[in-house]
PDB file of N, CA and C in Angstrom:
ATOM      1  N   MET A   1       0.832  -1.187   0.000  1.00  0.00           N
ATOM      2  CA  MET A   1       0.000   0.000   0.000  1.00  0.00           C
ATOM      3  C   MET A   1       0.880   1.256   0.000  1.00  0.00           C
ATOM      4  N   ASN A   2       0.457   2.249  -0.732  1.00  0.00           N
ATOM      5  CA  ASN A   2       1.157   3.530  -0.702  1.00  0.00           C
ATOM      6  C   ASN A   2       0.140   4.667  -0.663  1.00  0.00           C
ATOM      7  N   PHE A   3       0.636   5.871  -0.647  1.00  0.00           N
ATOM      8  CA  PHE A   3      -0.256   7.010  -0.490  1.00  0.00           C
ATOM      9  C   PHE A   3      -1.244   7.169  -1.640  1.00  0.00           C
ATOM     10  N   LEU A   4      -0.955   6.610  -2.791  1.00  0.00           N
ATOM     11  CA  LEU A   4      -1.865   6.721  -3.927  1.00  0.00           C
ATOM     12  C   LEU A   4      -3.063   5.786  -3.823  1.00  0.00           C
ATOM     13  N   ASP A   5      -3.056   4.890  -2.849  1.00  0.00           N
ATOM     14  CA  ASP A   5      -4.164   3.950  -2.695  1.00  0.00           C
ATOM     15  C   ASP A   5      -5.366   4.563  -1.985  1.00  0.00           C
ATOM     16  N   TYR A   6      -5.207   5.741  -1.439  1.00  0.00           N
ATOM     17  CA  TYR A   6      -6.280   6.368  -0.668  1.00  0.00           C
ATOM     18  C   TYR A   6      -6.636   7.727  -1.259  1.00  0.00           C
ATOM     19  N   PRO A   7      -7.918   8.078  -1.254  1.00  0.00           N
ATOM     20  CA  PRO A   7      -8.313   9.403  -1.748  1.00  0.00           C
ATOM     21  C   PRO A   7      -7.622  10.511  -0.954  1.00  0.00           C
ATOM     22  N   ILE A   8      -7.354  11.605  -1.635  1.00  0.00           N
ATOM     23  CA  ILE A   8      -6.672  12.742  -1.030  1.00  0.00           C
ATOM     24  C   ILE A   8      -7.680  13.864  -0.821  1.00  0.00           C
ATOM     25  N   THR A   9      -7.708  14.434   0.372  1.00  0.00           N
ATOM     26  CA  THR A   9      -8.589  15.551   0.675  1.00  0.00           C
ATOM     27  C   THR A   9      -7.748  16.826   0.728  1.00  0.00           C
ATOM     28  N   PRO A  10      -8.026  17.773  -0.174  1.00  0.00           N
ATOM     29  CA  PRO A  10      -7.245  19.010  -0.163  1.00  0.00           C
ATOM     30  C   PRO A  10      -7.536  19.839   1.094  1.00  0.00           C
ATOM     31  N   SER A  11      -6.535  20.575   1.539  1.00  0.00           N
ATOM     32  CA  SER A  11      -6.693  21.427   2.711  1.00  0.00           C
ATOM     33  C   SER A  11      -7.616  22.603   2.381  1.00  0.00           C
ATOM     34  N   PRO A  12      -8.197  23.223   3.403  1.00  0.00           N
ATOM     35  CA  PRO A  12      -9.045  24.408   3.155  1.00  0.00           C
ATOM     36  C   PRO A  12      -8.297  25.510   2.393  1.00  0.00           C
ATOM     37  N   LYS A  13      -6.997  25.658   2.665  1.00  0.00           N
ATOM     38  CA  LYS A  13      -6.201  26.660   1.952  1.00  0.00           C
ATOM     39  C   LYS A  13      -6.143  26.341   0.459  1.00  0.00           C
ATOM     40  N   LYS A  14      -5.933  25.069   0.131  1.00  0.00           N
ATOM     41  CA  LYS A  14      -5.855  24.670  -1.284  1.00  0.00           C
ATOM     42  C   LYS A  14      -7.222  24.779  -1.972  1.00  0.00           C
ATOM     43  N   VAL A  15      -8.281  24.515  -1.225  1.00  0.00           N
ATOM     44  CA  VAL A  15      -9.633  24.677  -1.786  1.00  0.00           C
ATOM     45  C   VAL A  15      -9.859  26.148  -2.127  1.00  0.00           C
ATOM     46  N   GLU A  16      -9.428  27.028  -1.258  1.00  0.00           N
ATOM     47  CA  GLU A  16      -9.573  28.467  -1.516  1.00  0.00           C
ATOM     48  C   GLU A  16      -8.726  28.887  -2.716  1.00  0.00           C
ATOM     49  N   GLU A  17      -7.530  28.340  -2.839  1.00  0.00           N
ATOM     50  CA  GLU A  17      -6.693  28.629  -4.015  1.00  0.00           C
ATOM     51  C   GLU A  17      -7.377  28.151  -5.284  1.00  0.00           C
ATOM     52  N   PHE A  18      -7.990  26.972  -5.228  1.00  0.00           N
ATOM     53  CA  PHE A  18      -8.729  26.439  -6.376  1.00  0.00           C
ATOM     54  C   PHE A  18      -9.862  27.395  -6.745  1.00  0.00           C
ATOM     55  N   ARG A  19     -10.591  27.864  -5.742  1.00  0.00           N
ATOM     56  CA  ARG A  19     -11.715  28.780  -5.981  1.00  0.00           C
ATOM     57  C   ARG A  19     -11.221  30.060  -6.654  1.00  0.00           C
ATOM     58  N   GLN A  20     -10.110  30.605  -6.177  1.00  0.00           N
ATOM     59  CA  GLN A  20      -9.562  31.836  -6.744  1.00  0.00           C
ATOM     60  C   GLN A  20      -9.084  31.628  -8.180  1.00  0.00           C
ATOM     61  N   LEU A  21      -8.462  30.474  -8.443  1.00  0.00           N
ATOM     62  CA  LEU A  21      -8.021  30.177  -9.810  1.00  0.00           C
ATOM     63  C   LEU A  21      -9.201  30.053 -10.767  1.00  0.00           C
ATOM     64  N   MET A  22     -10.260  29.405 -10.317  1.00  0.00           N
ATOM     65  CA  MET A  22     -11.448  29.266 -11.164  1.00  0.00           C
ATOM     66  C   MET A  22     -12.071  30.635 -11.453  1.00  0.00           C
ATOM     67  N   LYS A  23     -12.064  31.500 -10.468  1.00  0.00           N
ATOM     68  CA  LYS A  23     -12.595  32.852 -10.650  1.00  0.00           C
ATOM     69  C   LYS A  23     -11.718  33.637 -11.615  1.00  0.00           C
ATOM     70  N   LYS A  24     -10.416  33.574 -11.413  1.00  0.00           N
ATOM     71  CA  LYS A  24      -9.479  34.344 -12.234  1.00  0.00           C
ATOM     72  C   LYS A  24      -9.467  33.885 -13.689  1.00  0.00           C
ATOM     73  N   HIS A  25      -9.381  32.578 -13.911  1.00  0.00           N
ATOM     74  CA  HIS A  25      -9.194  32.061 -15.273  1.00  0.00           C
ATOM     75  C   HIS A  25     -10.497  31.767 -16.017  1.00  0.00           C
ATOM     76  N   TYR A  26     -11.570  31.465 -15.272  1.00  0.00           N
ATOM     77  CA  TYR A  26     -12.828  31.077 -15.923  1.00  0.00           C
ATOM     78  C   TYR A  26     -14.009  31.951 -15.525  1.00  0.00           C
ATOM     79  N   ASN A  27     -13.768  32.934 -14.641  1.00  0.00           N
ATOM     80  CA  ASN A  27     -14.802  33.842 -14.169  1.00  0.00           C
ATOM     81  C   ASN A  27     -16.012  33.080 -13.604  1.00  0.00           C
ATOM     82  N   VAL A  28     -15.703  32.050 -12.825  1.00  0.00           N
ATOM     83  CA  VAL A  28     -16.743  31.219 -12.209  1.00  0.00           C
ATOM     84  C   VAL A  28     -16.641  31.361 -10.693  1.00  0.00           C
ATOM     85  N   ASP A  29     -17.762  31.686 -10.056  1.00  0.00           N
ATOM     86  CA  ASP A  29     -17.812  31.777  -8.595  1.00  0.00           C
ATOM     87  C   ASP A  29     -18.373  30.487  -8.024  1.00  0.00           C
ATOM     88  N   TYR A  30     -17.553  29.765  -7.280  1.00  0.00           N
ATOM     89  CA  TYR A  30     -17.990  28.528  -6.646  1.00  0.00           C
ATOM     90  C   TYR A  30     -18.370  28.780  -5.191  1.00  0.00           C
ATOM     91  N   SER A  31     -19.392  28.071  -4.736  1.00  0.00           N
ATOM     92  CA  SER A  31     -19.725  28.085  -3.315  1.00  0.00           C
ATOM     93  C   SER A  31     -18.678  27.256  -2.571  1.00  0.00           C
ATOM     94  N   ASP A  32     -18.733  27.280  -1.250  1.00  0.00           N
ATOM     95  CA  ASP A  32     -17.788  26.480  -0.462  1.00  0.00           C
ATOM     96  C   ASP A  32     -17.866  25.007  -0.855  1.00  0.00           C
ATOM     97  N   GLY A  33     -19.073  24.481  -0.949  1.00  0.00           N
ATOM     98  CA  GLY A  33     -19.266  23.071  -1.289  1.00  0.00           C
ATOM     99  C   GLY A  33     -18.783  22.739  -2.686  1.00  0.00           C
ATOM    100  N   GLN A  34     -19.081  23.610  -3.633  1.00  0.00           N
ATOM    101  CA  GLN A  34     -18.658  23.377  -5.014  1.00  0.00           C
ATOM    102  C   GLN A  34     -17.144  23.427  -5.147  1.00  0.00           C
ATOM    103  N   ALA A  35     -16.515  24.398  -4.478  1.00  0.00           N
ATOM    104  CA  ALA A  35     -15.057  24.512  -4.538  1.00  0.00           C
ATOM    105  C   ALA A  35     -14.406  23.301  -3.884  1.00  0.00           C
ATOM    106  N   ASN A  36     -14.956  22.861  -2.771  1.00  0.00           N
ATOM    107  CA  ASN A  36     -14.415  21.686  -2.083  1.00  0.00           C
ATOM    108  C   ASN A  36     -14.530  20.446  -2.972  1.00  0.00           C
ATOM    109  N   GLU A  37     -15.692  20.250  -3.571  1.00  0.00           N
ATOM    110  CA  GLU A  37     -15.898  19.089  -4.441  1.00  0.00           C
ATOM    111  C   GLU A  37     -15.009  19.164  -5.684  1.00  0.00           C
ATOM    112  N   GLY A  38     -14.898  20.345  -6.280  1.00  0.00           N
ATOM    113  CA  GLY A  38     -14.073  20.507  -7.472  1.00  0.00           C
ATOM    114  C   GLY A  38     -12.606  20.244  -7.190  1.00  0.00           C
ATOM    115  N   ALA A  39     -12.102  20.792  -6.080  1.00  0.00           N
ATOM    116  CA  ALA A  39     -10.697  20.574  -5.723  1.00  0.00           C
ATOM    117  C   ALA A  39     -10.445  19.098  -5.414  1.00  0.00           C
ATOM    118  N   TYR A  40     -11.359  18.483  -4.694  1.00  0.00           N
ATOM    119  CA  TYR A  40     -11.240  17.052  -4.360  1.00  0.00           C
ATOM    120  C   TYR A  40     -11.193  16.215  -5.637  1.00  0.00           C
ATOM    121  N   ASN A  41     -12.127  16.481  -6.552  1.00  0.00           N
ATOM    122  CA  ASN A  41     -12.183  15.717  -7.805  1.00  0.00           C
ATOM    123  C   ASN A  41     -10.928  15.915  -8.642  1.00  0.00           C
ATOM    124  N   LEU A  42     -10.429  17.144  -8.706  1.00  0.00           N
ATOM    125  CA  LEU A  42      -9.237  17.427  -9.502  1.00  0.00           C
ATOM    126  C   LEU A  42      -8.013  16.708  -8.943  1.00  0.00           C
ATOM    127  N   VAL A  43      -7.812  16.813  -7.645  1.00  0.00           N
ATOM    128  CA  VAL A  43      -6.655  16.169  -7.010  1.00  0.00           C
ATOM    129  C   VAL A  43      -6.721  14.656  -7.191  1.00  0.00           C
ATOM    130  N   ASN A  44      -7.887  14.090  -7.004  1.00  0.00           N
ATOM    131  CA  ASN A  44      -8.009  12.632  -7.098  1.00  0.00           C
ATOM    132  C   ASN A  44      -8.011  12.132  -8.534  1.00  0.00           C
ATOM    133  N   PHE A  45      -8.377  12.980  -9.485  1.00  0.00           N
ATOM    134  CA  PHE A  45      -8.227  12.630 -10.892  1.00  0.00           C
ATOM    135  C   PHE A  45      -6.745  12.424 -11.213  1.00  0.00           C
ATOM    136  N   PHE A  46      -5.910  13.345 -10.732  1.00  0.00           N
ATOM    137  CA  PHE A  46      -4.472  13.207 -10.962  1.00  0.00           C
ATOM    138  C   PHE A  46      -3.893  12.032 -10.183  1.00  0.00           C
ATOM    139  N   ARG A  47      -4.465  11.724  -9.038  1.00  0.00           N
ATOM    140  CA  ARG A  47      -4.027  10.541  -8.281  1.00  0.00           C
ATOM    141  C   ARG A  47      -4.258   9.289  -9.121  1.00  0.00           C
ATOM    142  N   VAL A  48      -5.415   9.205  -9.758  1.00  0.00           N
ATOM    143  CA  VAL A  48      -5.724   8.052 -10.613  1.00  0.00           C
ATOM    144  C   VAL A  48      -4.768   8.001 -11.806  1.00  0.00           C
ATOM    145  N   LEU A  49      -4.486   9.159 -12.410  1.00  0.00           N
ATOM    146  CA  LEU A  49      -3.545   9.188 -13.534  1.00  0.00           C
ATOM    147  C   LEU A  49      -2.158   8.714 -13.115  1.00  0.00           C
ATOM    148  N   MET A  50      -1.715   9.121 -11.930  1.00  0.00           N
ATOM    149  CA  MET A  50      -0.401   8.672 -11.450  1.00  0.00           C
ATOM    150  C   MET A  50      -0.393   7.164 -11.215  1.00  0.00           C
ATOM    151  N   LYS A  51      -1.479   6.622 -10.667  1.00  0.00           N
ATOM    152  CA  LYS A  51      -1.554   5.172 -10.451  1.00  0.00           C
ATOM    153  C   LYS A  51      -1.487   4.432 -11.785  1.00  0.00           C
ATOM    154  N   MET A  52      -2.204   4.956 -12.774  1.00  0.00           N
ATOM    155  CA  MET A  52      -2.192   4.325 -14.092  1.00  0.00           C
ATOM    156  C   MET A  52      -0.795   4.378 -14.699  1.00  0.00           C
ATOM    157  N   ASP A  53      -0.120   5.509 -14.553  1.00  0.00           N
ATOM    158  CA  ASP A  53       1.232   5.659 -15.090  1.00  0.00           C
ATOM    159  C   ASP A  53       2.187   4.657 -14.450  1.00  0.00           C
ATOM    160  N   ILE A  54       2.087   4.468 -13.150  1.00  0.00           N
ATOM    161  CA  ILE A  54       2.941   3.505 -12.453  1.00  0.00           C
ATOM    162  C   ILE A  54       2.680   2.093 -12.959  1.00  0.00           C
ATOM    163  N   LYS A  55       1.403   1.741 -13.144  1.00  0.00           N
ATOM    164  CA  LYS A  55       1.073   0.408 -13.636  1.00  0.00           C
ATOM    165  C   LYS A  55       1.618   0.189 -15.047  1.00  0.00           C
ATOM    166  N   ILE A  56       1.501   1.203 -15.890  1.00  0.00           N
ATOM    167  CA  ILE A  56       2.006   1.088 -17.266  1.00  0.00           C
ATOM    168  C   ILE A  56       3.522   0.923 -17.256  1.00  0.00           C
ATOM    169  N   LYS A  57       4.207   1.719 -16.442  1.00  0.00           N
ATOM    170  CA  LYS A  57       5.668   1.604 -16.371  1.00  0.00           C
ATOM    171  C   LYS A  57       6.091   0.228 -15.868  1.00  0.00           C
ATOM    172  N   ASN A  58       5.394  -0.292 -14.864  1.00  0.00           N
ATOM    173  CA  ASN A  58       5.713  -1.624 -14.348  1.00  0.00           C
ATOM    174  C   ASN A  58       5.471  -2.696 -15.406  1.00  0.00           C
ATOM    175  N   SER A  59       4.394  -2.556 -16.160  1.00  0.00           N
ATOM    176  CA  SER A  59       4.100  -3.518 -17.224  1.00  0.00           C
ATOM    177  C   SER A  59       5.177  -3.477 -18.301  1.00  0.00           C
ATOM    178  N   ARG A  60       5.619  -2.281 -18.645  1.00  0.00           N
ATOM    179  CA  ARG A  60       6.689  -2.154 -19.654  1.00  0.00           C
ATOM    180  C   ARG A  60       7.974  -2.808 -19.174  1.00  0.00           C
ATOM    181  N   LYS A  61       8.308  -2.586 -17.890  1.00  0.00           N
ATOM    182  CA  LYS A  61       9.518  -3.201 -17.343  1.00  0.00           C
ATOM    183  C   LYS A  61       9.433  -4.717 -17.411  1.00  0.00           C
ATOM    184  N   LYS A  62       8.279  -5.286 -17.034  1.00  0.00           N
ATOM    185  CA  LYS A  62       8.105  -6.742 -17.087  1.00  0.00           C
ATOM    186  C   LYS A  62       8.231  -7.250 -18.514  1.00  0.00           C
ATOM    187  N   PHE A  63       7.628  -6.531 -19.449  1.00  0.00           N
ATOM    188  CA  PHE A  63       7.676  -6.923 -20.843  1.00  0.00           C
ATOM    189  C   PHE A  63       9.114  -6.905 -21.355  1.00  0.00           C
ATOM    190  N   ILE A  64       9.844  -5.845 -21.058  1.00  0.00           N
ATOM    191  CA  ILE A  64      11.235  -5.728 -21.495  1.00  0.00           C
ATOM    192  C   ILE A  64      12.095  -6.825 -20.867  1.00  0.00           C
ATOM    193  N   ASN A  65      11.890  -7.087 -19.587  1.00  0.00           N
ATOM    194  CA  ASN A  65      12.647  -8.158 -18.922  1.00  0.00           C
ATOM    195  C   ASN A  65      12.338  -9.519 -19.533  1.00  0.00           C
ATOM    196  N   THR A  66      11.084  -9.743 -19.893  1.00  0.00           N
ATOM    197  CA  THR A  66      10.698 -11.006 -20.530  1.00  0.00           C
ATOM    198  C   THR A  66      11.387 -11.133 -21.888  1.00  0.00           C
ATOM    199  N   LEU A  67      11.394 -10.056 -22.653  1.00  0.00           N
ATOM    200  CA  LEU A  67      12.074 -10.089 -23.953  1.00  0.00           C
ATOM    201  C   LEU A  67      13.568 -10.362 -23.792  1.00  0.00           C
ATOM    202  N   ARG A  68      14.173  -9.768 -22.794  1.00  0.00           N
ATOM    203  CA  ARG A  68      15.597  -9.999 -22.551  1.00  0.00           C
ATOM    204  C   ARG A  68      15.860 -11.461 -22.193  1.00  0.00           C
ATOM    205  N   GLU A  69      15.003 -12.027 -21.360  1.00  0.00           N
ATOM    206  CA  GLU A  69      15.173 -13.439 -20.986  1.00  0.00           C
ATOM    207  C   GLU A  69      14.980 -14.332 -22.190  1.00  0.00           C
ATOM    208  N   ILE A  70      14.012 -14.056 -23.008  1.00  0.00           N
ATOM    209  CA  ILE A  70      13.775 -14.871 -24.199  1.00  0.00           C
ATOM    210  C   ILE A  70      14.981 -14.797 -25.136  1.00  0.00           C
ATOM    211  N   SER A  71      15.554 -13.611 -25.281  1.00  0.00           N
ATOM    212  CA  SER A  71      16.699 -13.473 -26.186  1.00  0.00           C
ATOM    213  C   SER A  71      17.930 -14.194 -25.655  1.00  0.00           C
ATOM    214  N   ARG A  72      18.049 -14.340 -24.343  1.00  0.00           N
ATOM    215  CA  ARG A  72      19.176 -15.079 -23.748  1.00  0.00           C
ATOM    216  C   ARG A  72      19.020 -16.583 -23.974  1.00  0.00           C
ATOM    217  N   ILE A  73      17.796 -17.071 -23.989  1.00  0.00           N
ATOM    218  CA  ILE A  73      17.526 -18.500 -24.128  1.00  0.00           C
ATOM    219  C   ILE A  73      17.964 -18.990 -25.511  1.00  0.00           C
ATOM    220  N   LYS A  74      17.767 -18.204 -26.518  1.00  0.00           N
ATOM    221  CA  LYS A  74      18.086 -18.638 -27.891  1.00  0.00           C
ATOM    222  C   LYS A  74      19.523 -18.762 -28.131  1.00  0.00           C
TER     223      LYS A  74
END
């Protein structure tokens, strides 16, 4: 188990930063609940992407190691 196995809850400070960024770049005013949900979803979306990237890298390593072993056998 590692830190990517559990959902991440952004701090109130980061939620406020998210709210300010949305206002500045998209001119959208979020309520406290909306900003909290949006920040949570964004952070955890990237958590899922990182988990997927790790799995892909591990699969590539296994594949490459298998190819190397096969080439040694011949």
